[in-house]
Amino acid sequence: MSLLAGADRAAFVTGLGSRLRAAGVPVDLTSTVAFTAALDVGFPRDVESLYWAARVTLVHRHEHHPTFDAVFDAVFRDTVLATDPQARRAARGGDTSSTGDTWARAAGRPAGDVEGDGLPWATLPRVTAGGSSDDEDDVTLPEPLPSAAAALADTPLEELDDARLAVLESWLQRTVDRWPTRRSRRRRPHKQGTHVALRDTLAASRRTGWETTRLRYRRPERRPRPVTVLVDVSRSMQPYAVAYLHLLRVLARTGRCETFVFSTELTRLTPALVHHSAQEARERAEAATADRFGGTHLAGSLRALRRSRWGDGLRGGVLVLASDGWDSDPPEELAAELARLRRRAHRILWLNPRAAAPGFEPRVGSMAAALPYCDAFLPAHSPDALVDVVAALVDD
């Protein structure tokens, strides 16, 4: 765990630089930027590594080392507020006078003459409208402001409104930069190839009088795998249908994924979801799905997919099923269909949003029959879990 986990990096770097300047150590903007970059790259896990990251980037003259050591020790080694985020929260409102006195002495100022106390990201309490705070000795620690995506990472999908769903889609859009690939029979030039490229080698030797001075190599080319996603939109999956629709749209817009929904029958949504307008795509998808929020025929839908023109796209591809496992078809039919698809597809992923519930066990007949043919079983109950689903696509 990083030493500064949960801390506001900007407030920390600015606060430490201000205290060093007050103590007589010249800290310019270039040094502050370098220290910030060191924190982002190094992720200090203890006080010692943080000390060297700050000293190397913020101090440039030997005579300033003692002053820097005094300020750093006052902030991190002699402080009563620990650097652990949980300990900092637990220590709010405690007696921090010793820390302020230590820093004041390091800065050459009288004891007690210090604004803010303890750690450099500690700030004074907010001032009320009357111009005074509730407690003059109270020290508050600002919480970092998370991004819109991180704020809803663990929010259940059924609690997301339209605005948060738009944030979710934007978040998922940034995670599809990678895609599952397969090894092709074609080869392309590469410095780390394992096969000698005769034509490329001969063409390069023309410049040296047909004397081969350097061999050229090729290696097998990687091609994107096809991905097929089926989402259950029956009544039992209604709370998650809209959120999964945004996942389908993100995958469909890549141009390498076929998207389907099913309840009592199979419906292809790829043409509707590739529309540039999210609202228009949602309306077209809802209009195309006439049987949504009805019963569930999972085995029959898989059979329809296998026999359709898009069934050939399953060969060597990744099949993703999103369903809670409640099926009106007999479990043995589902097992038979998945056995056929397993021989055709490269991988099969099953998403069950109810799997995140404590003590969940796949006791439903269809779910138990399907698990032996699945390569991964994921909950996909929150935005963070959906990001894990996208990552699992490329986990070969």
Protein backbone atom coordinates (compact mmCIF):
# COMPACT_ATOMS: atom_id res chain seq x y z
CA MET A 1 0.00 0.00 0.00
CA SER A 2 1.34 3.47 -0.87
CA LEU A 3 2.37 5.68 2.04
CA LEU A 4 0.28 8.56 0.70
CA ALA A 5 -2.79 6.52 -0.20
CA GLY A 6 -5.87 8.66 0.27
CA ALA A 7 -3.88 11.90 0.57
CA ASP A 8 -4.34 14.90 -1.71
CA ARG A 9 -1.08 14.86 -3.69
CA ALA A 10 -1.36 18.50 -4.77
CA ALA A 11 -1.95 19.70 -1.20
CA PHE A 12 0.88 17.53 0.07
CA VAL A 13 3.49 18.71 -2.45
CA THR A 14 2.45 22.36 -2.09
CA GLY A 15 2.39 22.20 1.70
CA LEU A 16 5.80 20.57 2.03
CA GLY A 17 7.33 23.02 -0.43
CA SER A 18 5.86 25.98 1.47
CA ARG A 19 7.27 24.77 4.76
CA LEU A 20 10.70 24.23 3.26
CA ARG A 21 10.70 27.74 1.78
CA ALA A 22 9.63 29.17 5.14
CA ALA A 23 12.57 27.36 6.74
CA GLY A 24 15.01 28.82 4.21
CA VAL A 25 15.23 26.07 1.57
CA PRO A 26 14.59 27.52 -1.93
CA VAL A 27 12.03 25.26 -3.60
CA ASP A 28 11.09 26.40 -7.09
CA LEU A 29 8.34 25.25 -9.43
CA THR A 30 10.65 22.91 -11.37
CA SER A 31 11.59 21.07 -8.17
CA THR A 32 7.93 20.79 -7.18
CA VAL A 33 7.03 19.27 -10.55
CA ALA A 34 9.92 16.82 -10.27
CA PHE A 35 8.81 15.78 -6.78
CA THR A 36 5.25 15.23 -8.00
CA ALA A 37 6.50 13.07 -10.85
CA ALA A 38 8.62 11.06 -8.41
CA LEU A 39 5.57 10.40 -6.25
CA ASP A 40 3.56 9.23 -9.25
CA VAL A 41 6.30 6.88 -10.43
CA GLY A 42 7.82 5.68 -7.19
CA PHE A 43 4.72 5.17 -5.01
CA PRO A 44 6.71 5.46 -1.72
CA ARG A 45 5.69 2.73 0.71
CA ASP A 46 7.65 3.95 3.74
CA VAL A 47 9.00 7.17 5.22
CA GLU A 48 12.57 6.41 4.15
CA SER A 49 11.74 6.15 0.44
CA LEU A 50 9.61 9.31 0.69
CA TYR A 51 12.55 11.10 2.36
CA TRP A 52 14.92 10.35 -0.51
CA ALA A 53 12.35 11.20 -3.16
CA ALA A 54 11.82 14.61 -1.55
CA ARG A 55 15.50 15.28 -0.82
CA VAL A 56 16.73 14.43 -4.33
CA THR A 57 14.11 16.54 -6.09
CA LEU A 58 13.61 19.50 -3.68
CA VAL A 59 17.11 20.14 -2.28
CA HIS A 60 19.96 21.14 -4.58
CA ARG A 61 22.60 22.56 -2.21
CA HIS A 62 24.52 20.72 0.46
CA GLU A 63 24.12 23.45 3.07
CA HIS A 64 20.32 23.07 2.93
CA HIS A 65 20.39 19.39 3.91
CA PRO A 66 20.30 19.98 7.71
CA THR A 67 17.31 22.32 7.37
CA PHE A 68 15.51 19.88 5.13
CA ASP A 69 16.18 17.03 7.58
CA ALA A 70 14.80 19.10 10.45
CA VAL A 71 11.60 20.02 8.60
CA PHE A 72 11.10 16.47 7.30
CA ASP A 73 11.67 14.94 10.74
CA ALA A 74 9.22 17.40 12.29
CA VAL A 75 6.58 16.51 9.74
CA PHE A 76 7.00 12.76 9.40
CA ARG A 77 9.11 11.35 12.22
CA ASP A 78 8.08 13.44 15.23
CA THR A 79 4.45 14.03 14.31
CA VAL A 80 1.63 12.57 16.36
CA LEU A 81 -0.47 12.20 13.22
CA ALA A 82 0.67 9.02 11.53
CA THR A 83 1.20 8.86 7.78
CA ASP A 84 -1.30 6.02 7.51
CA PRO A 85 -4.64 7.43 6.21
CA GLN A 86 -6.71 5.50 8.76
CA ALA A 87 -4.52 6.71 11.60
CA ARG A 88 -4.85 10.28 10.36
CA ARG A 89 -8.62 10.06 10.43
CA ALA A 90 -8.57 8.56 13.91
CA ALA A 91 -6.28 11.28 15.19
CA ARG A 92 -8.41 14.26 14.19
CA GLY A 93 -9.01 16.67 16.98
CA GLY A 94 -6.08 15.31 19.04
CA ASP A 95 -3.27 17.25 20.66
CA THR A 96 -0.77 18.17 17.95
CA SER A 97 1.06 20.98 19.70
CA SER A 98 4.36 19.10 19.89
CA THR A 99 4.44 18.74 16.11
CA GLY A 100 3.87 22.44 15.54
CA ASP A 101 6.54 23.41 18.06
CA THR A 102 9.07 21.06 16.44
CA TRP A 103 8.43 22.47 12.99
CA ALA A 104 8.49 26.04 14.28
CA ARG A 105 11.90 25.48 15.84
CA ALA A 106 13.15 23.96 12.58
CA ALA A 107 11.93 27.02 10.70
CA GLY A 108 13.56 29.38 13.19
CA ARG A 109 10.26 30.67 14.58
CA PRO A 110 8.92 30.73 18.15
CA ALA A 111 7.24 27.57 19.39
CA GLY A 112 3.52 27.62 18.78
CA ASP A 113 3.85 30.18 15.94
CA VAL A 114 2.66 27.92 13.14
CA GLU A 115 -0.34 27.87 10.82
CA GLY A 116 -1.76 24.42 10.36
CA ASP A 117 -0.17 21.65 12.34
CA GLY A 118 1.39 18.26 11.83
CA LEU A 119 1.47 16.91 8.32
CA PRO A 120 1.86 19.29 5.36
CA TRP A 121 -1.55 18.41 3.93
CA ALA A 122 -3.28 19.40 7.19
CA THR A 123 -5.28 22.61 6.79
CA LEU A 124 -7.05 25.01 9.06
CA PRO A 125 -10.74 24.37 9.73
CA ARG A 126 -13.23 26.13 7.51
CA VAL A 127 -14.22 29.59 8.64
CA THR A 128 -17.92 30.12 9.29
CA ALA A 129 -19.96 33.06 8.06
CA GLY A 130 -19.28 34.92 11.31
CA GLY A 131 -15.56 34.86 10.67
CA SER A 132 -14.61 32.28 13.30
CA SER A 133 -14.37 28.52 13.44
CA ASP A 134 -16.10 26.20 15.84
CA ASP A 135 -12.82 25.12 17.42
CA GLU A 136 -9.66 27.14 16.93
CA ASP A 137 -7.46 24.16 17.80
CA ASP A 138 -9.23 21.76 15.44
CA VAL A 139 -7.20 20.53 12.49
CA THR A 140 -9.05 19.06 9.52
CA LEU A 141 -7.58 16.84 6.86
CA PRO A 142 -8.98 17.42 3.35
CA GLU A 143 -10.19 14.28 1.64
CA PRO A 144 -9.11 13.80 -1.97
CA LEU A 145 -11.77 14.57 -4.53
CA PRO A 146 -12.27 11.38 -6.55
CA SER A 147 -13.11 11.46 -10.21
CA ALA A 148 -16.70 10.92 -11.27
CA ALA A 149 -15.89 7.36 -12.34
CA ALA A 150 -14.05 6.42 -9.13
CA ALA A 151 -16.87 7.84 -7.02
CA LEU A 152 -19.35 5.29 -8.38
CA ALA A 153 -16.94 2.35 -8.67
CA ASP A 154 -18.66 0.23 -6.01
CA THR A 155 -22.21 1.51 -6.56
CA PRO A 156 -24.64 -1.31 -7.43
CA LEU A 157 -25.75 -1.14 -11.04
CA GLU A 158 -29.42 -1.00 -10.11
CA GLU A 159 -28.84 2.30 -8.23
CA LEU A 160 -27.30 4.19 -11.17
CA ASP A 161 -29.33 6.99 -12.73
CA ASP A 162 -28.98 8.24 -16.31
CA ALA A 163 -26.21 10.71 -15.45
CA ARG A 164 -24.14 8.07 -13.69
CA LEU A 165 -24.77 5.61 -16.50
CA ALA A 166 -23.31 8.14 -18.93
CA VAL A 167 -20.21 8.35 -16.72
CA LEU A 168 -20.07 4.55 -16.66
CA GLU A 169 -20.13 4.35 -20.45
CA SER A 170 -17.37 6.93 -20.72
CA TRP A 171 -15.33 4.95 -18.20
CA LEU A 172 -15.83 1.70 -20.08
CA GLN A 173 -14.94 3.41 -23.34
CA ARG A 174 -11.46 4.13 -21.98
CA THR A 175 -10.90 0.48 -21.05
CA VAL A 176 -11.38 -1.09 -24.49
CA ASP A 177 -8.04 0.05 -25.85
CA ARG A 178 -6.89 -3.56 -25.55
CA TRP A 179 -8.58 -6.46 -27.31
CA PRO A 180 -8.19 -10.25 -27.33
CA THR A 181 -5.97 -11.39 -30.18
CA ARG A 182 -5.03 -14.64 -31.84
CA ARG A 183 -1.93 -15.80 -33.68
CA SER A 184 -2.27 -15.50 -37.44
CA ARG A 185 -0.53 -17.53 -40.15
CA ARG A 186 0.71 -14.34 -41.73
CA ARG A 187 4.05 -12.94 -40.66
CA ARG A 188 5.26 -9.36 -40.57
CA PRO A 189 8.72 -7.82 -40.16
CA HIS A 190 9.87 -7.52 -36.58
CA LYS A 191 13.26 -7.07 -34.94
CA GLN A 192 12.51 -9.82 -32.42
CA GLY A 193 11.13 -12.28 -34.95
CA THR A 194 12.16 -15.92 -35.04
CA HIS A 195 11.91 -16.60 -38.80
CA VAL A 196 14.38 -15.19 -41.32
CA ALA A 197 12.66 -13.03 -43.94
CA LEU A 198 14.51 -13.99 -47.16
CA ARG A 199 12.95 -11.35 -49.39
CA ASP A 200 13.54 -8.54 -46.90
CA THR A 201 17.11 -9.72 -46.32
CA LEU A 202 17.88 -9.82 -50.06
CA ALA A 203 16.27 -6.44 -50.63
CA ALA A 204 18.38 -4.92 -47.87
CA SER A 205 21.58 -6.48 -49.26
CA ARG A 206 21.26 -4.45 -52.49
CA ARG A 207 22.87 -1.53 -50.67
CA THR A 208 25.95 -3.61 -49.77
CA GLY A 209 26.67 -5.19 -53.15
CA TRP A 210 24.51 -8.22 -52.41
CA GLU A 211 26.57 -9.02 -49.35
CA THR A 212 24.29 -9.93 -46.47
CA THR A 213 25.38 -7.90 -43.48
CA ARG A 214 22.22 -8.12 -41.40
CA LEU A 215 19.43 -10.67 -41.40
CA ARG A 216 15.84 -9.47 -41.38
CA TYR A 217 13.25 -11.37 -39.38
CA ARG A 218 9.52 -11.88 -39.30
CA ARG A 219 7.13 -13.11 -36.65
CA PRO A 220 3.47 -14.23 -36.72
CA GLU A 221 0.98 -11.40 -36.85
CA ARG A 222 -1.67 -10.99 -34.15
CA ARG A 223 -5.28 -10.59 -35.30
CA PRO A 224 -8.19 -9.45 -33.10
CA ARG A 225 -10.50 -12.21 -31.94
CA PRO A 226 -14.25 -11.86 -32.55
CA VAL A 227 -16.31 -11.26 -29.42
CA THR A 228 -19.99 -12.14 -29.05
CA VAL A 229 -22.01 -10.90 -26.07
CA LEU A 230 -25.46 -12.16 -25.02
CA VAL A 231 -27.35 -10.34 -22.27
CA ASP A 232 -30.39 -11.69 -20.49
CA VAL A 233 -33.17 -9.06 -20.43
CA SER A 234 -35.81 -11.19 -18.72
CA ARG A 235 -37.77 -9.93 -15.71
CA SER A 236 -35.25 -11.28 -13.20
CA MET A 237 -32.47 -9.26 -14.89
CA GLN A 238 -34.48 -6.06 -15.25
CA PRO A 239 -32.50 -4.04 -12.62
CA TYR A 240 -29.28 -4.58 -14.57
CA ALA A 241 -30.54 -4.36 -18.14
CA VAL A 242 -29.89 -0.65 -18.70
CA ALA A 243 -26.35 -0.78 -17.30
CA TYR A 244 -25.53 -3.82 -19.41
CA LEU A 245 -26.93 -1.99 -22.43
CA HIS A 246 -24.20 0.63 -22.01
CA LEU A 247 -21.60 -2.14 -21.88
CA LEU A 248 -23.03 -3.59 -25.10
CA ARG A 249 -22.85 -0.21 -26.80
CA VAL A 250 -19.20 0.30 -25.86
CA LEU A 251 -18.29 -3.13 -27.25
CA ALA A 252 -20.44 -2.78 -30.37
CA ARG A 253 -18.82 0.53 -31.32
CA THR A 254 -15.42 -1.13 -31.54
CA GLY A 255 -16.53 -2.84 -34.76
CA ARG A 256 -15.20 -6.18 -33.52
CA CYS A 257 -18.09 -7.37 -31.37
CA GLU A 258 -21.58 -8.72 -32.06
CA THR A 259 -24.16 -7.93 -29.37
CA PHE A 260 -27.40 -9.77 -28.64
CA VAL A 261 -30.10 -9.74 -25.99
CA PHE A 262 -32.55 -12.50 -25.23
CA SER A 263 -35.58 -13.24 -23.16
CA THR A 264 -37.91 -15.62 -24.93
CA GLU A 265 -36.07 -15.17 -28.25
CA LEU A 266 -32.76 -13.84 -29.55
CA THR A 267 -32.44 -10.24 -30.79
CA ARG A 268 -29.37 -8.71 -32.46
CA LEU A 269 -28.69 -5.13 -31.30
CA THR A 270 -25.39 -4.31 -33.01
CA PRO A 271 -26.91 -2.09 -35.76
CA ALA A 272 -28.89 -0.13 -33.19
CA LEU A 273 -26.09 0.33 -30.66
CA VAL A 274 -23.48 1.70 -33.07
CA HIS A 275 -25.45 4.95 -33.39
CA HIS A 276 -23.36 7.95 -32.32
CA SER A 277 -26.11 9.20 -29.98
CA ALA A 278 -26.41 7.21 -26.76
CA GLN A 279 -30.06 8.20 -26.30
CA GLU A 280 -30.97 7.26 -29.86
CA ALA A 281 -29.11 3.96 -29.54
CA ARG A 282 -31.00 3.15 -26.35
CA GLU A 283 -34.37 3.96 -27.92
CA ARG A 284 -33.61 1.84 -30.97
CA ALA A 285 -32.46 -1.06 -28.81
CA GLU A 286 -35.60 -0.92 -26.67
CA ALA A 287 -37.79 -0.77 -29.78
CA ALA A 288 -36.03 -3.81 -31.26
CA THR A 289 -36.41 -5.88 -28.09
CA ALA A 290 -40.12 -6.62 -28.00
CA ASP A 291 -39.89 -9.53 -25.55
CA ARG A 292 -37.85 -7.84 -22.82
CA PHE A 293 -38.74 -8.41 -19.17
CA GLY A 294 -40.52 -11.63 -19.98
CA GLY A 295 -39.51 -15.26 -19.53
CA THR A 296 -36.10 -16.81 -20.19
CA HIS A 297 -35.15 -19.34 -22.84
CA LEU A 298 -31.38 -19.43 -22.55
CA ALA A 299 -30.80 -22.78 -24.24
CA GLY A 300 -33.12 -21.88 -27.13
CA SER A 301 -31.38 -18.51 -27.60
CA LEU A 302 -27.97 -20.14 -27.71
CA ARG A 303 -29.25 -22.65 -30.23
CA ALA A 304 -30.60 -19.82 -32.39
CA LEU A 305 -27.24 -18.05 -32.23
CA ARG A 306 -25.31 -21.17 -33.16
CA ARG A 307 -27.52 -21.82 -36.19
CA SER A 308 -27.58 -18.21 -37.38
CA ARG A 309 -25.17 -16.52 -39.80
CA TRP A 310 -23.35 -15.01 -36.81
CA GLY A 311 -22.63 -18.44 -35.36
CA ASP A 312 -19.52 -18.72 -37.53
CA GLY A 313 -18.14 -15.67 -35.71
CA LEU A 314 -17.87 -17.79 -32.58
CA ARG A 315 -15.05 -19.86 -34.07
CA GLY A 316 -11.90 -18.92 -32.21
CA GLY A 317 -13.70 -16.03 -30.52
CA VAL A 318 -14.85 -15.11 -27.04
CA LEU A 319 -18.44 -15.70 -25.96
CA VAL A 320 -19.79 -13.62 -23.06
CA LEU A 321 -23.09 -14.57 -21.39
CA ALA A 322 -24.75 -12.24 -18.89
CA SER A 323 -27.56 -13.95 -17.00
CA ASP A 324 -28.59 -14.90 -13.47
CA GLY A 325 -29.11 -18.50 -14.58
CA TRP A 326 -32.90 -18.66 -14.23
CA ASP A 327 -33.99 -20.55 -17.35
CA SER A 328 -37.25 -22.09 -18.48
CA ASP A 329 -35.44 -24.62 -20.67
CA PRO A 330 -34.23 -27.89 -19.13
CA PRO A 331 -30.66 -27.70 -17.73
CA GLU A 332 -29.53 -30.62 -19.89
CA GLU A 333 -30.41 -28.64 -23.04
CA LEU A 334 -28.32 -25.72 -21.85
CA ALA A 335 -25.41 -28.04 -21.05
CA ALA A 336 -25.64 -29.60 -24.52
CA GLU A 337 -25.62 -26.20 -26.25
CA LEU A 338 -22.70 -24.93 -24.18
CA ALA A 339 -20.78 -28.13 -24.92
CA ARG A 340 -21.16 -27.45 -28.66
CA LEU A 341 -20.21 -23.79 -28.26
CA ARG A 342 -17.25 -24.69 -26.08
CA ARG A 343 -15.76 -26.68 -28.94
CA ARG A 344 -16.24 -23.71 -31.24
CA ALA A 345 -15.34 -20.70 -29.08
CA HIS A 346 -11.91 -19.92 -27.65
CA ARG A 347 -13.27 -18.85 -24.27
CA ILE A 348 -16.66 -18.54 -22.55
CA LEU A 349 -17.27 -15.95 -19.84
CA TRP A 350 -20.38 -15.96 -17.66
CA LEU A 351 -21.55 -12.79 -15.91
CA ASN A 352 -23.97 -13.15 -13.02
CA PRO A 353 -24.68 -9.94 -11.05
CA ARG A 354 -26.20 -11.94 -8.20
CA ALA A 355 -22.93 -13.79 -7.63
CA ALA A 356 -21.66 -10.83 -5.58
CA ALA A 357 -24.20 -11.50 -2.81
CA PRO A 358 -22.65 -12.92 0.39
CA GLY A 359 -22.91 -16.69 0.55
CA PHE A 360 -23.92 -17.05 -3.09
CA GLU A 361 -23.74 -20.57 -4.49
CA PRO A 362 -24.70 -21.57 -8.06
CA ARG A 363 -27.45 -23.97 -7.00
CA VAL A 364 -29.86 -23.09 -9.82
CA GLY A 365 -30.07 -26.05 -12.21
CA SER A 366 -29.13 -24.12 -15.32
CA MET A 367 -26.30 -22.28 -13.59
CA ALA A 368 -24.85 -25.48 -12.16
CA ALA A 369 -25.09 -27.16 -15.56
CA ALA A 370 -23.33 -24.28 -17.32
CA LEU A 371 -20.36 -23.76 -15.00
CA PRO A 372 -18.27 -26.72 -16.24
CA TYR A 373 -18.15 -25.15 -19.70
CA CYS A 374 -17.23 -21.60 -18.56
CA ASP A 375 -13.65 -20.32 -18.40
CA ALA A 376 -14.54 -17.49 -16.03
CA PHE A 377 -17.45 -16.69 -13.72
CA LEU A 378 -17.68 -12.97 -12.87
CA PRO A 379 -20.20 -11.04 -10.73
CA ALA A 380 -20.44 -7.85 -12.89
CA HIS A 381 -22.65 -6.16 -10.29
CA SER A 382 -20.96 -2.73 -10.16
CA PRO A 383 -19.10 -0.35 -12.51
CA ASP A 384 -15.77 -1.53 -11.14
CA ALA A 385 -16.80 -5.13 -11.81
CA LEU A 386 -17.77 -4.26 -15.39
CA VAL A 387 -14.29 -2.83 -15.94
CA ASP A 388 -12.94 -6.17 -14.72
CA VAL A 389 -15.11 -7.86 -17.35
CA VAL A 390 -13.51 -5.82 -20.12
CA ALA A 391 -10.09 -6.70 -18.71
CA ALA A 392 -11.02 -10.39 -18.58
CA LEU A 393 -11.66 -10.36 -22.33
CA VAL A 394 -7.94 -10.01 -23.04
CA ASP A 395 -6.86 -12.39 -20.27
CA ASP A 396 -5.84 -15.33 -22.42
